Amino acid sequence: MTTVTLNLDTVELTDEQFYRLCQMNRDWQFERTAKGEIIIMSPVGGVSGNREAYLITELGLWNRQTQLGIVFSSSTIFRLPNNGDRSPDAAWVSLKRWSALRTEEQEKFPPICPNFVIELREAKLSRRESRTDPLRPLQEKMQEYLNSGLRLGWLINPQDEQIEIYRHSREVEIVQFPVSLSGEDVLPGFVLNLPMT
């Protein structure tokens, strides 16, 4: 994820203004941090796009069998309860929580933190730059999810061959590849094998 961060110290966008900004610039992908910083994210390359597709496919196949919730791609922005408008690489919301939202809330940026998210540390597109995303902004993003009620999250870091596992009210656990990740009680029966094949 290559980002350009705009600090709008003199202007604070309302939720509706941020939504309209995103709608007027559909070719760009925006996020807004809990601090109000606007982030413009670059498109991903082939390797990262393939990895992201694999993650969403695996999550979607599990969900099709269980029908316990709704799966979302990286194009979905969630309006987090503790501020921030974030777009995980893959996300899942339980059917009960999704159904509790009004139709208008479902159609715009859902005002809900997913039960489960995956963030993928991606390779950069430019040869002149470091080949990977800095890890710290992704860790801060995972913390924003936790602060907003996330139950389980995986920060997958193929470059260092490790995964950071985020759980509500627990320390971050770091595991090395190869590993089979369990969806635990959040995604019962879901298993993701890494490295990705």
N, C-alpha and C. Protein backbone atom coordinates (compact mmCIF):
# COMPACT_ATOMS: atom_id res chain seq x y z
N MET A 1 0.84 -1.18 0.00
CA MET A 1 0.00 0.00 0.00
C MET A 1 0.88 1.23 0.00
N THR A 2 0.93 1.93 -1.10
CA THR A 2 1.61 3.21 -1.16
C THR A 2 0.57 4.27 -0.83
N THR A 3 0.91 5.18 0.06
CA THR A 3 -0.08 6.17 0.46
C THR A 3 0.45 7.58 0.31
N VAL A 4 -0.46 8.48 0.03
CA VAL A 4 -0.20 9.91 0.10
C VAL A 4 -1.14 10.41 1.18
N THR A 5 -0.59 11.02 2.22
CA THR A 5 -1.41 11.45 3.33
C THR A 5 -1.61 12.96 3.27
N LEU A 6 -2.87 13.37 3.35
CA LEU A 6 -3.20 14.78 3.36
C LEU A 6 -3.63 15.16 4.76
N ASN A 7 -2.91 16.07 5.41
CA ASN A 7 -3.33 16.58 6.70
C ASN A 7 -4.16 17.83 6.48
N LEU A 8 -5.43 17.73 6.74
CA LEU A 8 -6.33 18.85 6.53
C LEU A 8 -6.55 19.55 7.87
N ASP A 9 -5.49 20.24 8.35
CA ASP A 9 -5.55 20.87 9.66
C ASP A 9 -6.63 21.94 9.75
N THR A 10 -6.87 22.65 8.66
CA THR A 10 -7.82 23.75 8.70
C THR A 10 -9.21 23.33 8.28
N VAL A 11 -9.35 22.13 7.70
CA VAL A 11 -10.64 21.66 7.23
C VAL A 11 -10.89 20.27 7.78
N GLU A 12 -12.02 20.08 8.42
CA GLU A 12 -12.39 18.76 8.90
C GLU A 12 -13.63 18.31 8.14
N LEU A 13 -13.48 17.23 7.39
CA LEU A 13 -14.59 16.74 6.59
C LEU A 13 -15.61 16.02 7.46
N THR A 14 -16.88 16.30 7.20
CA THR A 14 -17.93 15.52 7.85
C THR A 14 -17.97 14.14 7.20
N ASP A 15 -18.70 13.22 7.80
CA ASP A 15 -18.84 11.88 7.22
C ASP A 15 -19.46 11.97 5.83
N GLU A 16 -20.47 12.82 5.68
CA GLU A 16 -21.13 12.96 4.38
C GLU A 16 -20.19 13.58 3.34
N GLN A 17 -19.38 14.56 3.74
CA GLN A 17 -18.43 15.17 2.81
C GLN A 17 -17.37 14.16 2.38
N PHE A 18 -16.90 13.33 3.31
CA PHE A 18 -15.92 12.31 2.94
C PHE A 18 -16.54 11.31 1.97
N TYR A 19 -17.78 10.92 2.23
CA TYR A 19 -18.47 9.99 1.33
C TYR A 19 -18.58 10.61 -0.07
N ARG A 20 -18.96 11.88 -0.15
CA ARG A 20 -19.09 12.54 -1.45
C ARG A 20 -17.74 12.66 -2.15
N LEU A 21 -16.68 12.95 -1.40
CA LEU A 21 -15.33 13.01 -1.97
C LEU A 21 -14.99 11.69 -2.64
N CYS A 22 -15.27 10.58 -1.97
CA CYS A 22 -15.00 9.25 -2.53
C CYS A 22 -15.86 8.98 -3.76
N GLN A 23 -17.14 9.38 -3.72
CA GLN A 23 -18.04 9.14 -4.85
C GLN A 23 -17.65 9.97 -6.07
N MET A 24 -17.14 11.17 -5.86
CA MET A 24 -16.75 12.04 -6.98
C MET A 24 -15.41 11.62 -7.60
N ASN A 25 -14.67 10.76 -6.90
CA ASN A 25 -13.34 10.33 -7.35
C ASN A 25 -13.25 8.81 -7.30
N ARG A 26 -14.13 8.15 -8.04
CA ARG A 26 -14.25 6.69 -7.97
C ARG A 26 -13.01 5.95 -8.48
N ASP A 27 -12.16 6.61 -9.24
CA ASP A 27 -10.94 5.96 -9.73
C ASP A 27 -9.84 5.94 -8.67
N TRP A 28 -10.06 6.63 -7.58
CA TRP A 28 -9.08 6.69 -6.50
C TRP A 28 -9.64 5.94 -5.30
N GLN A 29 -8.76 5.37 -4.50
CA GLN A 29 -9.21 4.69 -3.30
C GLN A 29 -8.73 5.48 -2.08
N PHE A 30 -9.69 5.92 -1.28
CA PHE A 30 -9.40 6.73 -0.10
C PHE A 30 -9.65 5.95 1.17
N GLU A 31 -8.94 6.37 2.22
CA GLU A 31 -9.25 5.98 3.59
C GLU A 31 -9.10 7.24 4.44
N ARG A 32 -9.67 7.20 5.63
CA ARG A 32 -9.50 8.29 6.58
C ARG A 32 -9.17 7.68 7.93
N THR A 33 -8.06 8.10 8.52
CA THR A 33 -7.65 7.55 9.80
C THR A 33 -8.52 8.10 10.92
N ALA A 34 -8.39 7.53 12.10
CA ALA A 34 -9.13 8.01 13.27
C ALA A 34 -8.73 9.44 13.61
N LYS A 35 -7.53 9.85 13.20
CA LYS A 35 -7.05 11.22 13.44
C LYS A 35 -7.58 12.20 12.40
N GLY A 36 -8.27 11.70 11.38
CA GLY A 36 -8.82 12.57 10.34
C GLY A 36 -7.92 12.75 9.13
N GLU A 37 -6.79 12.04 9.07
CA GLU A 37 -5.89 12.12 7.91
C GLU A 37 -6.51 11.38 6.74
N ILE A 38 -6.48 12.01 5.57
CA ILE A 38 -6.97 11.38 4.35
C ILE A 38 -5.81 10.64 3.69
N ILE A 39 -6.02 9.39 3.36
CA ILE A 39 -4.99 8.57 2.73
C ILE A 39 -5.48 8.19 1.34
N ILE A 40 -4.63 8.41 0.33
CA ILE A 40 -4.91 7.99 -1.04
C ILE A 40 -4.04 6.78 -1.31
N MET A 41 -4.67 5.65 -1.62
CA MET A 41 -3.92 4.41 -1.79
C MET A 41 -3.73 4.11 -3.27
N SER A 42 -2.54 3.63 -3.59
CA SER A 42 -2.23 3.29 -4.98
C SER A 42 -2.79 1.91 -5.31
N PRO A 43 -2.95 1.63 -6.62
CA PRO A 43 -3.35 0.28 -7.00
C PRO A 43 -2.24 -0.72 -6.68
N VAL A 44 -2.62 -1.99 -6.58
CA VAL A 44 -1.62 -3.02 -6.28
C VAL A 44 -1.13 -3.67 -7.56
N GLY A 45 0.03 -4.30 -7.49
CA GLY A 45 0.58 -5.02 -8.63
C GLY A 45 0.02 -6.43 -8.70
N GLY A 46 0.51 -7.21 -9.65
CA GLY A 46 0.00 -8.54 -9.91
C GLY A 46 0.15 -9.51 -8.75
N VAL A 47 1.31 -9.53 -8.12
CA VAL A 47 1.54 -10.48 -7.02
C VAL A 47 0.60 -10.17 -5.86
N SER A 48 0.53 -8.90 -5.48
CA SER A 48 -0.34 -8.51 -4.36
C SER A 48 -1.81 -8.72 -4.70
N GLY A 49 -2.20 -8.40 -5.95
CA GLY A 49 -3.59 -8.60 -6.36
C GLY A 49 -3.99 -10.06 -6.32
N ASN A 50 -3.06 -10.94 -6.72
CA ASN A 50 -3.32 -12.37 -6.68
C ASN A 50 -3.46 -12.86 -5.24
N ARG A 51 -2.60 -12.39 -4.36
CA ARG A 51 -2.69 -12.78 -2.95
C ARG A 51 -4.00 -12.32 -2.33
N GLU A 52 -4.40 -11.09 -2.63
CA GLU A 52 -5.65 -10.56 -2.10
C GLU A 52 -6.84 -11.39 -2.60
N ALA A 53 -6.82 -11.73 -3.88
CA ALA A 53 -7.91 -12.53 -4.46
C ALA A 53 -7.99 -13.90 -3.78
N TYR A 54 -6.84 -14.50 -3.50
CA TYR A 54 -6.81 -15.80 -2.82
C TYR A 54 -7.48 -15.69 -1.45
N LEU A 55 -7.15 -14.64 -0.69
CA LEU A 55 -7.70 -14.48 0.66
C LEU A 55 -9.21 -14.31 0.62
N ILE A 56 -9.69 -13.46 -0.29
CA ILE A 56 -11.13 -13.22 -0.39
C ILE A 56 -11.86 -14.48 -0.85
N THR A 57 -11.25 -15.21 -1.79
CA THR A 57 -11.86 -16.45 -2.28
C THR A 57 -12.00 -17.48 -1.17
N GLU A 58 -10.95 -17.68 -0.40
CA GLU A 58 -11.00 -18.66 0.69
C GLU A 58 -12.06 -18.28 1.72
N LEU A 59 -12.10 -17.00 2.08
CA LEU A 59 -13.10 -16.54 3.03
C LEU A 59 -14.51 -16.68 2.46
N GLY A 60 -14.66 -16.35 1.19
CA GLY A 60 -15.97 -16.45 0.53
C GLY A 60 -16.47 -17.88 0.42
N LEU A 61 -15.56 -18.81 0.12
CA LEU A 61 -15.96 -20.23 0.03
C LEU A 61 -16.44 -20.75 1.38
N TRP A 62 -15.71 -20.40 2.44
CA TRP A 62 -16.15 -20.80 3.79
C TRP A 62 -17.52 -20.20 4.09
N ASN A 63 -17.69 -18.91 3.78
CA ASN A 63 -18.95 -18.25 4.09
C ASN A 63 -20.12 -18.80 3.27
N ARG A 64 -19.85 -19.20 2.03
CA ARG A 64 -20.91 -19.79 1.20
C ARG A 64 -21.43 -21.08 1.84
N GLN A 65 -20.52 -21.85 2.44
CA GLN A 65 -20.93 -23.10 3.09
C GLN A 65 -21.68 -22.85 4.39
N THR A 66 -21.22 -21.89 5.18
CA THR A 66 -21.81 -21.66 6.50
C THR A 66 -22.97 -20.68 6.48
N GLN A 67 -22.94 -19.73 5.55
CA GLN A 67 -23.96 -18.68 5.45
C GLN A 67 -24.14 -17.93 6.77
N LEU A 68 -23.01 -17.67 7.44
CA LEU A 68 -23.06 -17.00 8.74
C LEU A 68 -22.93 -15.48 8.66
N GLY A 69 -22.55 -14.97 7.48
CA GLY A 69 -22.33 -13.53 7.40
C GLY A 69 -22.15 -13.05 5.98
N ILE A 70 -21.48 -11.90 5.86
CA ILE A 70 -21.26 -11.24 4.58
C ILE A 70 -19.76 -10.99 4.44
N VAL A 71 -19.21 -11.29 3.24
CA VAL A 71 -17.79 -11.08 2.94
C VAL A 71 -17.65 -9.82 2.11
N PHE A 72 -16.60 -9.05 2.38
CA PHE A 72 -16.35 -7.79 1.68
C PHE A 72 -14.94 -7.75 1.11
N SER A 73 -14.81 -7.09 -0.04
CA SER A 73 -13.51 -6.91 -0.70
C SER A 73 -12.85 -5.62 -0.23
N SER A 74 -11.66 -5.37 -0.75
CA SER A 74 -10.90 -4.17 -0.37
C SER A 74 -11.51 -2.88 -0.90
N SER A 75 -12.53 -2.97 -1.73
CA SER A 75 -13.19 -1.77 -2.23
C SER A 75 -14.20 -1.20 -1.24
N THR A 76 -14.50 -1.93 -0.18
CA THR A 76 -15.51 -1.51 0.79
C THR A 76 -14.87 -0.67 1.89
N ILE A 77 -15.46 0.49 2.13
CA ILE A 77 -15.02 1.35 3.24
C ILE A 77 -16.01 1.20 4.38
N PHE A 78 -15.48 0.93 5.57
CA PHE A 78 -16.29 0.84 6.78
C PHE A 78 -16.08 2.10 7.61
N ARG A 79 -17.18 2.71 8.03
CA ARG A 79 -17.12 3.87 8.93
C ARG A 79 -17.03 3.30 10.34
N LEU A 80 -15.83 3.33 10.92
CA LEU A 80 -15.60 2.69 12.21
C LEU A 80 -16.23 3.48 13.35
N PRO A 81 -16.79 2.80 14.35
CA PRO A 81 -17.46 3.47 15.47
C PRO A 81 -16.56 4.43 16.24
N ASN A 82 -15.27 4.15 16.34
CA ASN A 82 -14.34 5.02 17.08
C ASN A 82 -13.55 5.91 16.14
N ASN A 83 -14.18 6.34 15.05
CA ASN A 83 -13.61 7.22 14.03
C ASN A 83 -12.74 6.45 13.05
N GLY A 84 -12.60 7.04 11.90
CA GLY A 84 -11.85 6.43 10.82
C GLY A 84 -12.78 5.77 9.82
N ASP A 85 -12.39 5.85 8.58
CA ASP A 85 -13.09 5.19 7.48
C ASP A 85 -12.06 4.30 6.82
N ARG A 86 -12.16 3.00 7.05
CA ARG A 86 -11.10 2.07 6.66
C ARG A 86 -11.60 1.00 5.72
N SER A 87 -10.65 0.52 4.89
CA SER A 87 -10.95 -0.47 3.87
C SER A 87 -9.98 -1.64 4.01
N PRO A 88 -10.39 -2.72 4.69
CA PRO A 88 -9.50 -3.88 4.82
C PRO A 88 -9.36 -4.62 3.50
N ASP A 89 -8.32 -5.42 3.36
CA ASP A 89 -8.13 -6.21 2.14
C ASP A 89 -9.20 -7.29 2.01
N ALA A 90 -9.67 -7.80 3.13
CA ALA A 90 -10.82 -8.72 3.16
C ALA A 90 -11.48 -8.52 4.52
N ALA A 91 -12.81 -8.64 4.54
CA ALA A 91 -13.52 -8.44 5.80
C ALA A 91 -14.76 -9.33 5.83
N TRP A 92 -15.22 -9.57 7.05
CA TRP A 92 -16.42 -10.37 7.27
C TRP A 92 -17.23 -9.77 8.41
N VAL A 93 -18.55 -9.68 8.21
CA VAL A 93 -19.48 -9.19 9.23
C VAL A 93 -20.55 -10.26 9.42
N SER A 94 -20.87 -10.56 10.68
CA SER A 94 -21.91 -11.56 10.95
C SER A 94 -23.24 -11.09 10.37
N LEU A 95 -24.04 -12.06 9.96
CA LEU A 95 -25.34 -11.77 9.36
C LEU A 95 -26.24 -10.99 10.31
N LYS A 96 -26.20 -11.33 11.59
CA LYS A 96 -27.02 -10.64 12.58
C LYS A 96 -26.67 -9.16 12.65
N ARG A 97 -25.37 -8.84 12.70
CA ARG A 97 -24.95 -7.44 12.80
C ARG A 97 -25.23 -6.70 11.50
N TRP A 98 -25.01 -7.35 10.34
CA TRP A 98 -25.26 -6.71 9.05
C TRP A 98 -26.75 -6.42 8.88
N SER A 99 -27.59 -7.37 9.26
CA SER A 99 -29.04 -7.21 9.12
C SER A 99 -29.59 -6.11 10.01
N ALA A 100 -28.87 -5.77 11.08
CA ALA A 100 -29.32 -4.71 11.99
C ALA A 100 -29.13 -3.31 11.40
N LEU A 101 -28.34 -3.20 10.33
CA LEU A 101 -28.13 -1.90 9.68
C LEU A 101 -29.31 -1.57 8.77
N ARG A 102 -29.62 -0.29 8.68
CA ARG A 102 -30.65 0.15 7.74
C ARG A 102 -30.12 -0.01 6.31
N THR A 103 -31.02 -0.09 5.35
CA THR A 103 -30.63 -0.25 3.94
C THR A 103 -29.69 0.86 3.50
N GLU A 104 -29.98 2.10 3.88
CA GLU A 104 -29.12 3.23 3.51
C GLU A 104 -27.71 3.07 4.09
N GLU A 105 -27.61 2.55 5.31
CA GLU A 105 -26.30 2.34 5.93
C GLU A 105 -25.53 1.24 5.20
N GLN A 106 -26.22 0.22 4.74
CA GLN A 106 -25.58 -0.86 3.98
C GLN A 106 -25.09 -0.36 2.63
N GLU A 107 -25.84 0.55 2.01
CA GLU A 107 -25.50 1.01 0.66
C GLU A 107 -24.36 2.01 0.65
N LYS A 108 -24.21 2.82 1.70
CA LYS A 108 -23.10 3.79 1.77
C LYS A 108 -21.90 3.10 2.43
N PHE A 109 -21.17 3.84 3.27
CA PHE A 109 -20.07 3.24 4.01
C PHE A 109 -20.66 2.70 5.30
N PRO A 110 -20.75 1.38 5.44
CA PRO A 110 -21.43 0.81 6.61
C PRO A 110 -20.81 1.31 7.92
N PRO A 111 -21.65 1.83 8.83
CA PRO A 111 -21.14 2.33 10.11
C PRO A 111 -20.99 1.18 11.11
N ILE A 112 -19.99 0.36 10.84
CA ILE A 112 -19.80 -0.86 11.63
C ILE A 112 -18.35 -1.30 11.49
N CYS A 113 -17.82 -1.87 12.53
CA CYS A 113 -16.50 -2.49 12.43
C CYS A 113 -16.72 -3.97 12.11
N PRO A 114 -16.03 -4.50 11.10
CA PRO A 114 -16.18 -5.93 10.82
C PRO A 114 -15.84 -6.79 12.04
N ASN A 115 -16.43 -7.97 12.09
CA ASN A 115 -16.04 -8.95 13.12
C ASN A 115 -14.63 -9.44 12.87
N PHE A 116 -14.26 -9.53 11.57
CA PHE A 116 -12.99 -10.12 11.16
C PHE A 116 -12.43 -9.34 9.97
N VAL A 117 -11.11 -9.08 10.00
CA VAL A 117 -10.45 -8.44 8.86
C VAL A 117 -9.13 -9.12 8.56
N ILE A 118 -8.71 -8.99 7.31
CA ILE A 118 -7.37 -9.37 6.88
C ILE A 118 -6.74 -8.15 6.24
N GLU A 119 -5.54 -7.83 6.66
CA GLU A 119 -4.71 -6.82 6.00
C GLU A 119 -3.48 -7.54 5.47
N LEU A 120 -3.11 -7.20 4.24
CA LEU A 120 -2.00 -7.84 3.57
C LEU A 120 -0.91 -6.81 3.31
N ARG A 121 0.28 -7.06 3.83
CA ARG A 121 1.41 -6.19 3.53
C ARG A 121 1.82 -6.45 2.09
N GLU A 122 1.74 -5.43 1.27
CA GLU A 122 1.90 -5.60 -0.16
C GLU A 122 3.24 -5.10 -0.66
N ALA A 123 3.66 -5.63 -1.81
CA ALA A 123 4.86 -5.17 -2.48
C ALA A 123 4.57 -3.85 -3.17
N LYS A 124 5.52 -2.93 -3.17
CA LYS A 124 5.36 -1.65 -3.87
C LYS A 124 5.61 -1.85 -5.35
N LEU A 125 5.10 -0.89 -6.13
CA LEU A 125 5.19 -0.98 -7.58
C LEU A 125 6.50 -0.42 -8.14
N SER A 126 7.13 0.52 -7.45
CA SER A 126 8.31 1.19 -7.97
C SER A 126 9.58 0.47 -7.58
N ARG A 127 10.49 0.31 -8.53
CA ARG A 127 11.77 -0.35 -8.23
C ARG A 127 12.69 0.55 -7.41
N ARG A 128 12.49 1.85 -7.49
CA ARG A 128 13.35 2.78 -6.75
C ARG A 128 13.03 2.79 -5.26
N GLU A 129 11.84 2.36 -4.91
CA GLU A 129 11.43 2.38 -3.51
C GLU A 129 11.70 1.03 -2.86
N SER A 130 11.57 1.02 -1.56
CA SER A 130 11.59 -0.25 -0.84
C SER A 130 10.51 -1.14 -1.43
N ARG A 131 10.73 -2.46 -1.47
CA ARG A 131 9.80 -3.36 -2.13
C ARG A 131 8.55 -3.67 -1.32
N THR A 132 8.48 -3.18 -0.10
CA THR A 132 7.30 -3.51 0.71
C THR A 132 6.73 -2.28 1.39
N ASP A 133 5.48 -2.42 1.79
CA ASP A 133 4.84 -1.39 2.62
C ASP A 133 5.55 -1.30 3.94
N PRO A 134 5.64 -0.10 4.50
CA PRO A 134 6.09 -0.03 5.89
C PRO A 134 5.05 -0.74 6.77
N LEU A 135 5.53 -1.43 7.76
CA LEU A 135 4.66 -2.24 8.60
C LEU A 135 3.87 -1.39 9.60
N ARG A 136 4.48 -0.34 10.12
CA ARG A 136 3.88 0.46 11.20
C ARG A 136 2.48 0.99 10.85
N PRO A 137 2.26 1.61 9.67
CA PRO A 137 0.90 2.10 9.37
C PRO A 137 -0.15 1.00 9.35
N LEU A 138 0.23 -0.19 8.92
CA LEU A 138 -0.71 -1.32 8.92
C LEU A 138 -1.02 -1.77 10.35
N GLN A 139 -0.01 -1.74 11.22
CA GLN A 139 -0.23 -2.08 12.62
C GLN A 139 -1.14 -1.06 13.29
N GLU A 140 -0.96 0.22 12.95
CA GLU A 140 -1.83 1.26 13.50
C GLU A 140 -3.26 1.08 13.01
N LYS A 141 -3.40 0.69 11.74
CA LYS A 141 -4.72 0.43 11.19
C LYS A 141 -5.40 -0.73 11.92
N MET A 142 -4.65 -1.79 12.20
CA MET A 142 -5.20 -2.92 12.94
C MET A 142 -5.65 -2.48 14.34
N GLN A 143 -4.89 -1.57 14.95
CA GLN A 143 -5.27 -1.07 16.27
C GLN A 143 -6.57 -0.26 16.20
N GLU A 144 -6.76 0.49 15.11
CA GLU A 144 -8.02 1.22 14.92
C GLU A 144 -9.20 0.24 14.87
N TYR A 145 -9.01 -0.87 14.17
CA TYR A 145 -10.07 -1.88 14.13
C TYR A 145 -10.37 -2.40 15.54
N LEU A 146 -9.30 -2.74 16.29
CA LEU A 146 -9.49 -3.25 17.65
C LEU A 146 -10.23 -2.24 18.52
N ASN A 147 -9.84 -0.97 18.41
CA ASN A 147 -10.48 0.08 19.20
C ASN A 147 -11.94 0.25 18.85
N SER A 148 -12.34 -0.22 17.68
CA SER A 148 -13.72 -0.09 17.22
C SER A 148 -14.54 -1.37 17.38
N GLY A 149 -13.95 -2.41 17.99
CA GLY A 149 -14.72 -3.61 18.28
C GLY A 149 -14.36 -4.85 17.48
N LEU A 150 -13.27 -4.83 16.72
CA LEU A 150 -12.83 -6.01 15.99
C LEU A 150 -12.66 -7.20 16.94
N ARG A 151 -13.10 -8.37 16.50
CA ARG A 151 -12.94 -9.57 17.33
C ARG A 151 -11.70 -10.37 16.93
N LEU A 152 -11.39 -10.41 15.61
CA LEU A 152 -10.23 -11.18 15.14
C LEU A 152 -9.70 -10.52 13.87
N GLY A 153 -8.38 -10.37 13.79
CA GLY A 153 -7.78 -9.80 12.60
C GLY A 153 -6.41 -10.40 12.34
N TRP A 154 -6.10 -10.54 11.06
CA TRP A 154 -4.80 -11.08 10.66
C TRP A 154 -4.08 -10.05 9.80
N LEU A 155 -2.88 -9.68 10.20
CA LEU A 155 -1.99 -8.86 9.39
C LEU A 155 -0.96 -9.81 8.78
N ILE A 156 -1.14 -10.10 7.49
CA ILE A 156 -0.29 -11.08 6.81
C ILE A 156 0.88 -10.36 6.16
N ASN A 157 2.08 -10.82 6.49
CA ASN A 157 3.31 -10.18 6.08
C ASN A 157 4.17 -11.20 5.32
N PRO A 158 3.91 -11.38 4.01
CA PRO A 158 4.66 -12.38 3.25
C PRO A 158 6.16 -12.09 3.19
N GLN A 159 6.55 -10.82 3.21
CA GLN A 159 7.96 -10.47 3.10
C GLN A 159 8.77 -11.01 4.27
N ASP A 160 8.20 -10.95 5.47
CA ASP A 160 8.88 -11.47 6.66
C ASP A 160 8.39 -12.86 7.04
N GLU A 161 7.49 -13.42 6.20
CA GLU A 161 6.93 -14.75 6.41
C GLU A 161 6.34 -14.91 7.81
N GLN A 162 5.50 -13.93 8.19
CA GLN A 162 4.85 -14.00 9.49
C GLN A 162 3.47 -13.36 9.44
N ILE A 163 2.68 -13.69 10.45
CA ILE A 163 1.33 -13.15 10.60
C ILE A 163 1.21 -12.60 12.01
N GLU A 164 0.64 -11.41 12.11
CA GLU A 164 0.29 -10.85 13.41
C GLU A 164 -1.20 -11.10 13.60
N ILE A 165 -1.55 -11.75 14.71
CA ILE A 165 -2.93 -12.08 15.00
C ILE A 165 -3.44 -11.12 16.08
N TYR A 166 -4.50 -10.40 15.74
CA TYR A 166 -5.10 -9.41 16.63
C TYR A 166 -6.42 -9.95 17.16
N ARG A 167 -6.57 -9.92 18.48
CA ARG A 167 -7.80 -10.36 19.12
C ARG A 167 -8.20 -9.31 20.15
N HIS A 168 -9.50 -9.19 20.35
CA HIS A 168 -10.01 -8.23 21.32
C HIS A 168 -9.49 -8.57 22.72
N SER A 169 -8.96 -7.57 23.41
CA SER A 169 -8.50 -7.67 24.80
C SER A 169 -7.37 -8.67 25.00
N ARG A 170 -6.53 -8.87 23.96
CA ARG A 170 -5.38 -9.76 24.11
C ARG A 170 -4.17 -9.15 23.42
N GLU A 171 -2.99 -9.58 23.82
CA GLU A 171 -1.76 -9.14 23.18
C GLU A 171 -1.70 -9.68 21.75
N VAL A 172 -1.01 -8.96 20.89
CA VAL A 172 -0.83 -9.42 19.51
C VAL A 172 0.06 -10.67 19.53
N GLU A 173 -0.35 -11.68 18.80
CA GLU A 173 0.43 -12.92 18.66
C GLU A 173 1.07 -12.93 17.29
N ILE A 174 2.35 -13.27 17.23
CA ILE A 174 3.07 -13.35 15.96
C ILE A 174 3.44 -14.80 15.70
N VAL A 175 3.06 -15.30 14.52
CA VAL A 175 3.39 -16.67 14.13
C VAL A 175 4.12 -16.64 12.79
N GLN A 176 4.97 -17.63 12.57
CA GLN A 176 5.78 -17.71 11.35
C GLN A 176 5.15 -18.67 10.34
N PHE A 177 5.43 -18.44 9.05
CA PHE A 177 5.07 -19.39 8.00
C PHE A 177 5.92 -20.64 8.19
N PRO A 178 5.48 -21.81 7.75
CA PRO A 178 4.13 -22.13 7.32
C PRO A 178 3.22 -22.28 8.53
N VAL A 179 1.94 -21.96 8.32
CA VAL A 179 0.99 -22.00 9.42
C VAL A 179 -0.41 -22.22 8.87
N SER A 180 -1.24 -22.85 9.68
CA SER A 180 -2.68 -22.94 9.39
C SER A 180 -3.37 -22.05 10.41
N LEU A 181 -3.99 -20.98 9.93
CA LEU A 181 -4.68 -20.05 10.82
C LEU A 181 -6.11 -20.50 11.03
N SER A 182 -6.56 -20.42 12.25
CA SER A 182 -7.93 -20.81 12.59
C SER A 182 -8.80 -19.57 12.75
N GLY A 183 -10.03 -19.66 12.25
CA GLY A 183 -11.00 -18.58 12.44
C GLY A 183 -11.55 -18.54 13.86
N GLU A 184 -11.12 -19.46 14.68
CA GLU A 184 -11.49 -19.53 16.09
C GLU A 184 -13.01 -19.49 16.24
N ASP A 185 -13.52 -18.85 17.29
CA ASP A 185 -14.97 -18.81 17.49
C ASP A 185 -15.63 -17.71 16.67
N VAL A 186 -14.84 -16.87 16.01
CA VAL A 186 -15.39 -15.80 15.16
C VAL A 186 -15.84 -16.37 13.82
N LEU A 187 -15.00 -17.22 13.22
CA LEU A 187 -15.29 -17.88 11.95
C LEU A 187 -15.17 -19.39 12.17
N PRO A 188 -16.15 -20.02 12.79
CA PRO A 188 -16.02 -21.43 13.17
C PRO A 188 -15.79 -22.34 11.96
N GLY A 189 -14.72 -23.12 12.04
CA GLY A 189 -14.39 -24.06 10.98
C GLY A 189 -13.53 -23.48 9.86
N PHE A 190 -13.29 -22.16 9.86
CA PHE A 190 -12.47 -21.56 8.80
C PHE A 190 -11.00 -21.79 9.09
N VAL A 191 -10.27 -22.26 8.08
CA VAL A 191 -8.82 -22.48 8.20
C VAL A 191 -8.16 -21.88 6.97
N LEU A 192 -7.12 -21.12 7.17
CA LEU A 192 -6.34 -20.53 6.07
C LEU A 192 -4.91 -21.02 6.19
N ASN A 193 -4.45 -21.69 5.12
CA ASN A 193 -3.08 -22.21 5.11
C ASN A 193 -2.15 -21.20 4.45
N LEU A 194 -1.04 -20.89 5.11
CA LEU A 194 -0.04 -19.97 4.59
C LEU A 194 1.32 -20.64 4.66
N PRO A 195 2.22 -20.42 3.68
CA PRO A 195 2.08 -19.40 2.66
C PRO A 195 0.98 -19.75 1.66
N MET A 196 0.56 -18.71 0.93
CA MET A 196 -0.50 -18.87 -0.08
C MET A 196 0.02 -19.69 -1.23
N THR A 197 -0.82 -20.56 -1.75
CA THR A 197 -0.40 -21.41 -2.87
C THR A 197 -0.82 -20.80 -4.18
